Amino acid sequence: MFGKRKKRREAIRNKLREKSEYKMKSENVAIPEIHTKDFDEIEEHIDEIEQEKEEKHSILYDNVAIPEVHIHKKKK
């Protein structure tokens, strides 16, 4: 009973330890970035959008309720 479990467990461990082999046609592939518009303009626009999102979702800690936590000593 326990021998079967041990063998099964060892088989699973050995499978996990084996190094997976991936067949790739070329490992060193570089894909160039193609910019159709002026990149600086696009980047500025994206930054503006992100700032607007941050302003909408910002938290003011004056309005946040912080719960009180009381830790009591154990009674002997």
Protein backbone atom coordinates (compact mmCIF):
# COMPACT_ATOMS: atom_id res chain seq x y z
CA MET A 1 0.00 0.00 0.00
CA PHE A 2 2.63 2.53 1.04
CA GLY A 3 5.15 1.24 -1.49
CA LYS A 4 2.88 2.19 -4.40
CA ARG A 5 2.43 5.71 -3.07
CA LYS A 6 6.17 6.12 -2.61
CA LYS A 7 6.91 4.93 -6.15
CA ARG A 8 4.23 7.19 -7.59
CA ARG A 9 5.53 10.16 -5.58
CA GLU A 10 9.10 9.50 -6.76
CA ALA A 11 7.94 9.26 -10.38
CA ILE A 12 6.19 12.62 -10.12
CA ARG A 13 9.26 14.21 -8.50
CA ASN A 14 11.52 12.85 -11.24
CA LYS A 15 9.21 14.25 -13.93
CA LEU A 16 9.28 17.68 -12.32
CA ARG A 17 13.06 17.61 -11.99
CA GLU A 18 13.60 16.77 -15.65
CA LYS A 19 14.54 19.78 -17.69
CA SER A 20 11.91 20.72 -20.22
CA GLU A 21 13.24 20.92 -23.73
CA TYR A 22 11.86 23.54 -26.07
CA LYS A 23 12.60 23.44 -29.76
CA MET A 24 13.14 26.91 -31.13
CA LYS A 25 14.11 27.78 -34.67
CA SER A 26 16.03 30.89 -33.65
CA GLU A 27 16.77 32.08 -30.15
CA ASN A 28 18.14 35.52 -30.93
CA VAL A 29 15.23 37.36 -32.48
CA ALA A 30 15.02 41.12 -32.27
CA ILE A 31 11.84 42.90 -33.30
CA PRO A 32 12.29 46.58 -34.13
CA GLU A 33 9.93 49.23 -32.80
CA ILE A 34 8.06 51.13 -35.49
CA HIS A 35 6.72 54.58 -34.62
CA THR A 36 4.23 56.05 -37.07
CA LYS A 37 3.75 59.39 -35.27
CA ASP A 38 6.08 61.60 -33.33
CA PHE A 39 6.90 59.46 -30.30
CA ASP A 40 7.33 62.41 -27.94
CA GLU A 41 3.80 63.66 -28.64
CA ILE A 42 2.32 60.24 -28.01
CA GLU A 43 4.32 59.82 -24.82
CA GLU A 44 3.16 63.21 -23.50
CA HIS A 45 -0.45 62.33 -24.29
CA ILE A 46 -0.14 59.03 -22.43
CA ASP A 47 1.41 60.81 -19.43
CA GLU A 48 -1.49 63.28 -19.35
CA ILE A 49 -4.04 60.47 -19.39
CA GLU A 50 -2.24 58.65 -16.56
CA GLN A 51 -2.12 61.82 -14.45
CA GLU A 52 -5.86 62.36 -14.95
CA LYS A 53 -6.56 58.79 -13.85
CA GLU A 54 -4.40 59.22 -10.75
CA GLU A 55 -6.20 62.43 -9.83
CA LYS A 56 -9.60 60.75 -10.14
CA HIS A 57 -8.63 57.75 -8.03
CA SER A 58 -6.43 59.43 -5.45
CA ILE A 59 -7.18 58.89 -1.76
CA LEU A 60 -7.09 61.70 0.74
CA TYR A 61 -6.15 60.25 4.10
CA ASP A 62 -8.21 62.91 5.86
CA ASN A 63 -11.35 61.07 4.76
CA VAL A 64 -10.20 57.49 5.39
CA ALA A 65 -11.32 55.71 8.55
CA ILE A 66 -8.52 53.82 10.30
CA PRO A 67 -9.74 51.06 12.62
CA GLU A 68 -8.38 50.81 16.15
CA VAL A 69 -6.70 47.55 17.05
CA HIS A 70 -6.51 46.49 20.70
CA ILE A 71 -4.23 43.61 21.64
CA HIS A 72 -5.01 42.13 25.04
CA LYS A 73 -2.62 40.12 27.18
CA LYS A 74 -3.48 36.50 27.83
CA LYS A 75 -4.91 35.74 31.23
CA LYS A 76 -3.07 33.08 33.19
